[in-house]
Amino acid sequence: MFQKIKPLYDKVLIQRVEDETKTAGGLLYIPDVAKERAQTGKVIAAGAGRLTPDGKVLPLQVKVGDTVYFGKYAGTQAGDDFLIIKEDEILGIIEL
């Protein structure tokens, strides 16, 4: 259901990307109760852009398909794996 949301203006729909469940060495598994919510996600949909006071629309810097990093308490939860946030709450685009 949430994949079909079209965000307005400078809002972005993000699907969280789960972190690794193993440690860097690969020997230990991290239990679900010890994990925090992921702060990375993939942009599923984006609004048209930020509305300026004079009525112009400035395009967003993120686009559908980007993997982004956002703040721990950013946005509004939309289901279990989705988040709707403002573009200015996105801290950076992860380049793979």
C-alpha atoms as a PDB file:
ATOM      1  CA  MET A   1       0.000   0.000   0.000  1.00  0.00           C
ATOM      2  CA  PHE A   2       2.720   2.505   0.930  1.00  0.00           C
ATOM      3  CA  GLN A   3       4.625   1.935  -2.337  1.00  0.00           C
ATOM      4  CA  LYS A   4       1.755   3.721  -4.110  1.00  0.00           C
ATOM      5  CA  ILE A   5       2.020   6.968  -2.107  1.00  0.00           C
ATOM      6  CA  LYS A   6       3.060  10.044  -4.116  1.00  0.00           C
ATOM      7  CA  PRO A   7       4.716  12.479  -1.667  1.00  0.00           C
ATOM      8  CA  LEU A   8       3.936  16.187  -1.989  1.00  0.00           C
ATOM      9  CA  TYR A   9       6.433  19.030  -2.472  1.00  0.00           C
ATOM     10  CA  ASP A  10       9.719  18.303  -0.650  1.00  0.00           C
ATOM     11  CA  LYS A  11       8.652  15.008   0.950  1.00  0.00           C
ATOM     12  CA  VAL A  12      10.320  11.691   0.120  1.00  0.00           C
ATOM     13  CA  LEU A  13       9.073   8.115   0.625  1.00  0.00           C
ATOM     14  CA  ILE A  14      11.879   5.851   1.832  1.00  0.00           C
ATOM     15  CA  GLN A  15      11.963   2.104   2.307  1.00  0.00           C
ATOM     16  CA  ARG A  16      14.359   1.175   5.098  1.00  0.00           C
ATOM     17  CA  VAL A  17      17.301  -1.056   4.192  1.00  0.00           C
ATOM     18  CA  GLU A  18      18.106  -3.475   6.986  1.00  0.00           C
ATOM     19  CA  ASP A  19      21.652  -3.573   8.333  1.00  0.00           C
ATOM     20  CA  GLU A  20      23.824  -6.673   8.408  1.00  0.00           C
ATOM     21  CA  THR A  21      22.973  -9.287  11.024  1.00  0.00           C
ATOM     22  CA  LYS A  22      26.582 -10.493  11.362  1.00  0.00           C
ATOM     23  CA  THR A  23      29.572  -8.725  12.862  1.00  0.00           C
ATOM     24  CA  ALA A  24      32.357  -7.490  10.592  1.00  0.00           C
ATOM     25  CA  GLY A  25      34.371 -10.652  11.257  1.00  0.00           C
ATOM     26  CA  GLY A  26      31.381 -12.778  10.310  1.00  0.00           C
ATOM     27  CA  LEU A  27      31.539 -14.960  13.399  1.00  0.00           C
ATOM     28  CA  LEU A  28      28.812 -13.462  15.570  1.00  0.00           C
ATOM     29  CA  TYR A  29      25.180 -12.828  14.730  1.00  0.00           C
ATOM     30  CA  ILE A  30      23.394  -9.804  16.158  1.00  0.00           C
ATOM     31  CA  PRO A  31      20.012 -10.761  17.671  1.00  0.00           C
ATOM     32  CA  ASP A  32      16.904  -8.829  16.588  1.00  0.00           C
ATOM     33  CA  VAL A  33      16.359  -7.387  20.073  1.00  0.00           C
ATOM     34  CA  ALA A  34      19.830  -5.775  20.018  1.00  0.00           C
ATOM     35  CA  LYS A  35      19.416  -4.102  16.616  1.00  0.00           C
ATOM     36  CA  GLU A  36      18.245  -0.530  16.174  1.00  0.00           C
ATOM     37  CA  ARG A  37      16.095   0.676  13.288  1.00  0.00           C
ATOM     38  CA  ALA A  38      18.070   1.199  10.104  1.00  0.00           C
ATOM     39  CA  GLN A  39      19.030   4.757   9.245  1.00  0.00           C
ATOM     40  CA  THR A  40      19.602   3.982   5.597  1.00  0.00           C
ATOM     41  CA  GLY A  41      16.986   3.471   2.954  1.00  0.00           C
ATOM     42  CA  LYS A  42      16.094   3.533  -0.706  1.00  0.00           C
ATOM     43  CA  VAL A  43      14.048   6.387  -2.176  1.00  0.00           C
ATOM     44  CA  ILE A  44      10.824   4.867  -3.503  1.00  0.00           C
ATOM     45  CA  ALA A  45       9.012   8.095  -4.477  1.00  0.00           C
ATOM     46  CA  ALA A  46       9.700  11.831  -4.294  1.00  0.00           C
ATOM     47  CA  GLY A  47       7.613  14.976  -4.503  1.00  0.00           C
ATOM     48  CA  ALA A  48       7.980  17.666  -7.168  1.00  0.00           C
ATOM     49  CA  GLY A  49      10.247  19.896  -5.080  1.00  0.00           C
ATOM     50  CA  ARG A  50      10.421  22.574  -2.408  1.00  0.00           C
ATOM     51  CA  LEU A  51       7.967  25.445  -2.755  1.00  0.00           C
ATOM     52  CA  THR A  52       9.587  28.886  -2.370  1.00  0.00           C
ATOM     53  CA  PRO A  53       7.783  31.894  -0.851  1.00  0.00           C
ATOM     54  CA  ASP A  54       7.319  33.408  -4.338  1.00  0.00           C
ATOM     55  CA  GLY A  55       5.571  30.237  -5.581  1.00  0.00           C
ATOM     56  CA  LYS A  56       8.392  28.631  -7.545  1.00  0.00           C
ATOM     57  CA  VAL A  57       9.210  24.943  -7.154  1.00  0.00           C
ATOM     58  CA  LEU A  58      12.872  24.040  -6.625  1.00  0.00           C
ATOM     59  CA  PRO A  59      13.630  20.448  -7.725  1.00  0.00           C
ATOM     60  CA  LEU A  60      14.826  17.901  -5.167  1.00  0.00           C
ATOM     61  CA  GLN A  61      18.448  16.730  -5.069  1.00  0.00           C
ATOM     62  CA  VAL A  62      17.465  13.113  -4.354  1.00  0.00           C
ATOM     63  CA  LYS A  63      15.769  10.932  -6.940  1.00  0.00           C
ATOM     64  CA  VAL A  64      13.961   7.603  -6.989  1.00  0.00           C
ATOM     65  CA  GLY A  65      16.441   4.753  -6.561  1.00  0.00           C
ATOM     66  CA  ASP A  66      18.979   6.707  -4.446  1.00  0.00           C
ATOM     67  CA  THR A  67      20.203   5.075  -1.244  1.00  0.00           C
ATOM     68  CA  VAL A  68      20.221   7.687   1.506  1.00  0.00           C
ATOM     69  CA  TYR A  69      21.256   8.142   5.129  1.00  0.00           C
ATOM     70  CA  PHE A  70      18.868   9.992   7.437  1.00  0.00           C
ATOM     71  CA  GLY A  71      18.640  11.022  11.076  1.00  0.00           C
ATOM     72  CA  LYS A  72      17.542   8.588  13.769  1.00  0.00           C
ATOM     73  CA  TYR A  73      14.300  10.452  14.569  1.00  0.00           C
ATOM     74  CA  ALA A  74      13.599  11.850  11.089  1.00  0.00           C
ATOM     75  CA  GLY A  75      10.220  11.755   9.399  1.00  0.00           C
ATOM     76  CA  THR A  76       6.968   9.930   9.995  1.00  0.00           C
ATOM     77  CA  GLN A  77       6.658   6.160  10.111  1.00  0.00           C
ATOM     78  CA  ALA A  78       4.490   4.734   7.296  1.00  0.00           C
ATOM     79  CA  GLY A  79       4.052   1.052   8.026  1.00  0.00           C
ATOM     80  CA  ASP A  80       6.850  -1.199   9.251  1.00  0.00           C
ATOM     81  CA  ASP A  81       9.484  -0.540   6.583  1.00  0.00           C
ATOM     82  CA  PHE A  82       8.552   2.856   5.147  1.00  0.00           C
ATOM     83  CA  LEU A  83       9.196   6.427   6.206  1.00  0.00           C
ATOM     84  CA  ILE A  84       8.030   9.776   4.816  1.00  0.00           C
ATOM     85  CA  ILE A  85      10.526  12.553   5.452  1.00  0.00           C
ATOM     86  CA  LYS A  86      11.382  16.041   4.223  1.00  0.00           C
ATOM     87  CA  GLU A  87      14.370  16.266   1.927  1.00  0.00           C
ATOM     88  CA  ASP A  88      16.236  18.494   4.393  1.00  0.00           C
ATOM     89  CA  GLU A  89      16.133  15.628   6.946  1.00  0.00           C
ATOM     90  CA  ILE A  90      18.222  13.481   4.604  1.00  0.00           C
ATOM     91  CA  LEU A  91      21.843  13.712   5.698  1.00  0.00           C
ATOM     92  CA  GLY A  92      23.431  12.333   2.547  1.00  0.00           C
ATOM     93  CA  ILE A  93      23.238  10.128  -0.523  1.00  0.00           C
ATOM     94  CA  ILE A  94      25.229   6.898  -0.277  1.00  0.00           C
ATOM     95  CA  GLU A  95      27.255   6.340  -3.436  1.00  0.00           C
ATOM     96  CA  LEU A  96      27.851   2.660  -4.061  1.00  0.00           C
END
